[in-house]
Amino acid sequence: MISVIEIKSTEGKVLFAFESEDNTIAKTLEEAVAQGLDLRGADLSGADLRDANLSGAELSGANLYRTDLSYANLSDADLRRAYLVNTNLGGANLSGADLRDANLINADLRSAHLSGANLGGTDLNNAALRSADLFNTNLGGANLSGAIF
């Protein structure tokens, strides 16, 4: 069945719409990223984005509350000031991603690849980081209180 899915901003403005057979939010977002669209401030809360290829995505200030991004490719993505509270990023590829000042309270980052990522000023309070690859990761100024390593 052909359907249209819209990606809206946190203010309700349509940032991108995509029509496709058997469409999903993941398919729509991947298409937007492939087109190089600016998705700053997108509201993707609660979305199922498991295994999505979002490499290089512009998602600064996005609302990704309780989003499932497990095993997603977010390498080199811009996630500055993104709201990732209670988000599943287990096994995700975040190498080279910019997560400065993001809110990752209670986020699941177990086995995530964060090599070369910038987490400066990030709130990782109670985040699960067990088996995460933190090689060359900038954690300057990050809140790691209660983080599980």
Protein backbone atom coordinates (compact mmCIF):
# COMPACT_ATOMS: atom_id res chain seq x y z
CA MET A 1 0.00 0.00 0.00
CA ILE A 2 1.32 3.45 -0.91
CA SER A 3 1.43 5.93 1.95
CA VAL A 4 2.82 9.37 2.70
CA ILE A 5 4.79 9.96 5.88
CA GLU A 6 5.75 13.43 7.05
CA ILE A 7 8.65 14.43 9.26
CA LYS A 8 7.65 17.44 11.32
CA SER A 9 9.59 19.84 13.49
CA THR A 10 8.96 20.13 17.21
CA GLU A 11 6.81 23.17 16.29
CA GLY A 12 4.67 21.10 13.90
CA LYS A 13 6.14 22.44 10.63
CA VAL A 14 6.51 19.79 7.90
CA LEU A 15 10.22 19.38 7.15
CA PHE A 16 9.88 16.54 4.63
CA ALA A 17 7.20 14.28 3.17
CA PHE A 18 7.80 11.02 1.32
CA GLU A 19 5.40 8.75 -0.53
CA SER A 20 6.32 5.12 -1.03
CA GLU A 21 5.00 1.59 -1.18
CA ASP A 22 5.06 0.01 2.31
CA ASN A 23 6.43 3.26 3.69
CA THR A 24 7.90 3.56 7.20
CA ILE A 25 9.34 6.42 9.23
CA ALA A 26 12.76 4.82 8.79
CA LYS A 27 12.39 4.76 4.98
CA THR A 28 11.20 8.36 4.97
CA LEU A 29 14.06 9.54 7.17
CA GLU A 30 16.66 7.63 5.14
CA GLU A 31 15.34 9.31 1.97
CA ALA A 32 15.53 12.76 3.58
CA VAL A 33 19.12 12.10 4.70
CA ALA A 34 20.07 10.74 1.25
CA GLN A 35 18.80 14.02 -0.23
CA GLY A 36 20.97 15.94 2.24
CA LEU A 37 18.00 17.71 3.83
CA ASP A 38 18.32 19.78 6.97
CA LEU A 39 16.27 18.09 9.71
CA ARG A 40 17.28 20.33 12.59
CA GLY A 41 14.61 20.31 15.27
CA ALA A 42 12.79 17.27 13.86
CA ASP A 43 10.35 15.51 16.16
CA LEU A 44 11.13 11.80 15.90
CA SER A 45 10.12 10.84 19.42
CA GLY A 46 9.16 7.19 19.80
CA ALA A 47 10.13 6.31 16.21
CA ASP A 48 11.38 2.85 15.25
CA LEU A 49 14.63 3.58 13.43
CA ARG A 50 16.42 0.30 14.11
CA ASP A 51 19.14 -0.40 11.53
CA ALA A 52 18.43 2.89 9.69
CA ASN A 53 21.24 4.41 7.63
CA LEU A 54 21.40 8.01 8.84
CA SER A 55 25.08 8.63 8.19
CA GLY A 56 25.78 12.37 8.00
CA ALA A 57 22.24 13.31 9.09
CA GLU A 58 21.62 16.91 10.21
CA LEU A 59 19.55 16.34 13.37
CA SER A 60 20.79 19.01 15.74
CA GLY A 61 18.13 19.95 18.28
CA ALA A 62 15.97 16.99 17.25
CA ASN A 63 13.57 15.32 19.67
CA LEU A 64 14.51 11.64 19.71
CA TYR A 65 12.92 10.80 23.06
CA ARG A 66 12.41 7.03 23.44
CA THR A 67 13.42 6.44 19.83
CA ASP A 68 14.82 3.02 18.91
CA LEU A 69 18.08 3.67 17.06
CA SER A 70 19.65 0.33 17.88
CA TYR A 71 22.22 -0.69 15.26
CA ALA A 72 21.50 2.48 13.25
CA ASN A 73 24.32 4.12 11.29
CA LEU A 74 24.67 7.67 12.63
CA SER A 75 28.33 8.09 11.70
CA ASP A 76 29.27 11.75 11.20
CA ALA A 77 25.72 12.83 12.11
CA ASP A 78 25.09 16.23 13.69
CA LEU A 79 23.16 15.58 16.91
CA ARG A 80 24.18 18.70 18.82
CA ARG A 81 21.64 19.60 21.51
CA ALA A 82 19.47 16.62 20.51
CA TYR A 83 17.07 15.24 23.10
CA LEU A 84 17.90 11.54 23.36
CA VAL A 85 16.48 10.75 26.80
CA ASN A 86 15.57 7.04 27.20
CA THR A 87 16.73 6.39 23.62
CA ASN A 88 18.05 2.99 22.55
CA LEU A 89 21.38 3.43 20.76
CA GLY A 90 22.67 -0.04 21.55
CA GLY A 91 25.08 -1.21 18.87
CA ALA A 92 24.64 2.03 16.89
CA ASN A 93 27.50 3.46 14.84
CA LEU A 94 28.07 7.00 16.14
CA SER A 95 31.69 7.25 15.03
CA GLY A 96 32.59 10.85 14.24
CA ALA A 97 29.13 12.07 15.34
CA ASP A 98 28.74 15.48 16.98
CA LEU A 99 26.70 15.05 20.17
CA ARG A 100 27.84 18.21 21.96
CA ASP A 101 25.37 19.36 24.61
CA ALA A 102 22.96 16.52 23.79
CA ASN A 103 20.74 15.07 26.50
CA LEU A 104 21.37 11.33 26.79
CA ILE A 105 19.94 10.74 30.27
CA ASN A 106 19.05 7.04 30.68
CA ALA A 107 20.12 6.32 27.09
CA ASP A 108 21.25 2.81 26.17
CA LEU A 109 24.63 3.03 24.44
CA ARG A 110 25.77 -0.51 25.16
CA SER A 111 28.15 -1.74 22.45
CA ALA A 112 27.74 1.56 20.55
CA HIS A 113 30.64 2.72 18.37
CA LEU A 114 31.55 6.23 19.53
CA SER A 115 35.09 6.34 18.18
CA GLY A 116 36.00 9.93 17.35
CA ALA A 117 32.60 11.26 18.47
CA ASN A 118 32.28 14.58 20.27
CA LEU A 119 30.29 14.28 23.51
CA GLY A 120 31.55 17.51 25.03
CA GLY A 121 29.00 18.90 27.50
CA THR A 122 26.68 15.94 26.95
CA ASP A 123 24.44 14.77 29.80
CA LEU A 124 25.04 11.03 30.16
CA ASN A 125 23.46 10.73 33.61
CA ASN A 126 22.51 7.06 34.17
CA ALA A 127 23.42 6.17 30.57
CA ALA A 128 24.45 2.58 29.87
CA LEU A 129 27.87 2.58 28.19
CA ARG A 130 28.93 -1.00 28.85
CA SER A 131 31.12 -2.33 26.01
CA ALA A 132 30.85 0.99 24.12
CA ASP A 133 33.82 1.90 21.91
CA LEU A 134 35.02 5.24 23.31
CA PHE A 135 38.38 5.38 21.48
CA ASN A 136 39.29 9.03 20.76
CA THR A 137 35.89 10.18 22.04
CA ASN A 138 35.75 13.72 23.45
CA LEU A 139 34.01 13.55 26.85
CA GLY A 140 35.16 16.99 28.02
CA GLY A 141 32.55 18.53 30.30
CA ALA A 142 30.18 15.56 29.94
CA ASN A 143 28.02 14.63 32.95
CA LEU A 144 28.84 10.98 33.61
CA SER A 145 27.21 10.71 37.04
CA GLY A 146 25.50 7.37 37.39
CA ALA A 147 26.74 6.22 33.97
CA ILE A 148 27.20 2.46 33.76
CA PHE A 149 30.48 1.35 32.18
